[in-house]
C-alpha atoms as a PDB file:
ATOM      1  CA  MET A   1       0.270  -0.019  -0.113  1.00  0.00           C
ATOM      2  CA  ASP A   2       1.397   3.663  -0.515  1.00  0.00           C
ATOM      3  CA  HIS A   3      -0.118   6.197   0.783  1.00  0.00           C
ATOM      4  CA  LEU A   4      -0.457   9.703  -1.477  1.00  0.00           C
ATOM      5  CA  TYR A   5      -0.289  13.023  -0.228  1.00  0.00           C
ATOM      6  CA  ALA A   6      -1.462  15.871  -1.675  1.00  0.00           C
ATOM      7  CA  ALA A   7       0.613  18.414   0.168  1.00  0.00           C
ATOM      8  CA  PRO A   8       3.069  18.834  -2.640  1.00  0.00           C
ATOM      9  CA  VAL A   9       0.075  18.771  -5.709  1.00  0.00           C
ATOM     10  CA  LEU A  10      -1.828  22.115  -3.552  1.00  0.00           C
ATOM     11  CA  VAL A  11       1.968  23.643  -2.406  1.00  0.00           C
ATOM     12  CA  GLU A  12       2.611  23.960  -6.409  1.00  0.00           C
ATOM     13  CA  TYR A  13      -0.895  24.934  -7.289  1.00  0.00           C
ATOM     14  CA  PHE A  14      -0.488  27.487  -4.571  1.00  0.00           C
ATOM     15  CA  ARG A  15       2.831  29.389  -4.757  1.00  0.00           C
ATOM     16  CA  GLN A  16       1.457  29.722  -8.673  1.00  0.00           C
ATOM     17  CA  LEU A  17      -1.707  31.825  -7.145  1.00  0.00           C
ATOM     18  CA  ASN A  18       1.545  34.129  -5.803  1.00  0.00           C
ATOM     19  CA  ILE A  19      -1.657  35.007  -3.582  1.00  0.00           C
ATOM     20  CA  LYS A  20       0.160  37.787  -1.150  1.00  0.00           C
ATOM     21  CA  ASP A  21      -1.230  36.897   1.956  1.00  0.00           C
ATOM     22  CA  LEU A  22      -2.569  33.647   1.792  1.00  0.00           C
ATOM     23  CA  THR A  23      -4.025  31.766   5.167  1.00  0.00           C
ATOM     24  CA  ILE A  24      -4.653  28.310   5.702  1.00  0.00           C
ATOM     25  CA  VAL A  25      -7.557  28.004   7.485  1.00  0.00           C
ATOM     26  CA  SER A  26      -7.201  23.540   8.763  1.00  0.00           C
ATOM     27  CA  PRO A  27     -10.855  22.669   9.700  1.00  0.00           C
ATOM     28  CA  ASP A  28      -9.135  21.232  13.045  1.00  0.00           C
ATOM     29  CA  VAL A  29      -6.446  20.401  14.822  1.00  0.00           C
ATOM     30  CA  ALA A  30      -5.103  17.456  13.284  1.00  0.00           C
ATOM     31  CA  ALA A  31      -4.809  19.036  10.567  1.00  0.00           C
ATOM     32  CA  SER A  32      -3.626  21.873  10.981  1.00  0.00           C
ATOM     33  CA  ARG A  33       0.439  20.502  10.557  1.00  0.00           C
ATOM     34  CA  TRP A  34       0.494  22.103   6.792  1.00  0.00           C
ATOM     35  CA  ARG A  35       1.836  24.779   6.040  1.00  0.00           C
ATOM     36  CA  ALA A  36       4.126  26.009   3.234  1.00  0.00           C
ATOM     37  CA  PRO A  37       6.598  28.839   2.504  1.00  0.00           C
ATOM     38  CA  THR A  38       4.769  31.390  -0.574  1.00  0.00           C
ATOM     39  CA  PRO A  39       7.065  31.969  -3.398  1.00  0.00           C
ATOM     40  CA  SER A  40       8.023  35.497  -1.396  1.00  0.00           C
ATOM     41  CA  GLY A  41       9.574  32.885   1.078  1.00  0.00           C
ATOM     42  CA  SER A  42       7.142  33.725   4.383  1.00  0.00           C
ATOM     43  CA  THR A  43       5.262  31.498   5.695  1.00  0.00           C
ATOM     44  CA  PRO A  44       1.221  31.473   5.589  1.00  0.00           C
ATOM     45  CA  ASP A  45      -0.759  32.848   8.573  1.00  0.00           C
ATOM     46  CA  LEU A  46      -2.074  29.428   9.563  1.00  0.00           C
ATOM     47  CA  ALA A  47      -6.268  29.881  10.787  1.00  0.00           C
ATOM     48  CA  ILE A  48      -8.109  26.639  13.384  1.00  0.00           C
ATOM     49  CA  VAL A  49     -11.889  25.754  13.626  1.00  0.00           C
ATOM     50  CA  ASP A  50     -12.833  24.762  17.433  1.00  0.00           C
ATOM     51  CA  LYS A  51     -15.799  22.345  16.686  1.00  0.00           C
ATOM     52  CA  ARG A  52     -17.795  20.190  19.012  1.00  0.00           C
ATOM     53  CA  ARG A  53     -19.614  16.939  17.314  1.00  0.00           C
ATOM     54  CA  SER A  54     -22.976  17.610  17.752  1.00  0.00           C
ATOM     55  CA  GLY A  55     -23.382  14.006  17.010  1.00  0.00           C
ATOM     56  CA  PRO A  56     -22.512  11.645  13.673  1.00  0.00           C
ATOM     57  CA  THR A  57     -22.412  13.782  11.396  1.00  0.00           C
ATOM     58  CA  GLU A  58     -23.062  17.147  12.649  1.00  0.00           C
ATOM     59  CA  THR A  59     -20.266  19.678  13.912  1.00  0.00           C
ATOM     60  CA  GLU A  60     -21.258  23.287  15.829  1.00  0.00           C
ATOM     61  CA  VAL A  61     -17.889  25.583  15.451  1.00  0.00           C
ATOM     62  CA  MET A  62     -16.732  26.532  18.237  1.00  0.00           C
ATOM     63  CA  HIS A  63     -14.532  28.728  17.586  1.00  0.00           C
ATOM     64  CA  ILE A  64     -11.355  30.033  14.895  1.00  0.00           C
ATOM     65  CA  ILE A  65      -8.251  30.362  16.234  1.00  0.00           C
ATOM     66  CA  GLY A  66      -5.683  32.786  14.974  1.00  0.00           C
ATOM     67  CA  ASP A  67      -5.395  35.995  13.587  1.00  0.00           C
ATOM     68  CA  VAL A  68      -7.539  36.499  10.868  1.00  0.00           C
ATOM     69  CA  GLU A  69     -10.373  38.630   9.767  1.00  0.00           C
ATOM     70  CA  ALA A  70     -13.887  37.937   9.162  1.00  0.00           C
ATOM     71  CA  ALA A  71     -14.462  37.645   5.330  1.00  0.00           C
ATOM     72  CA  THR A  72     -17.461  38.991   4.389  1.00  0.00           C
END
């Protein structure tokens, strides 16, 4: 079995977009380990969603952790 990871493909895609102020939002703490440098060499900001499960298929967002502004 081979584990296939999307990170190399996603890193290249976002590098090509050349976004100046990129913020990566992780759906939970477990997925927050991925951060890649931008074309300028800086590391993108990171936000993490703190959520609680209210049922087997339902979640509720409690907090957004990180210094980010909400999109309107």
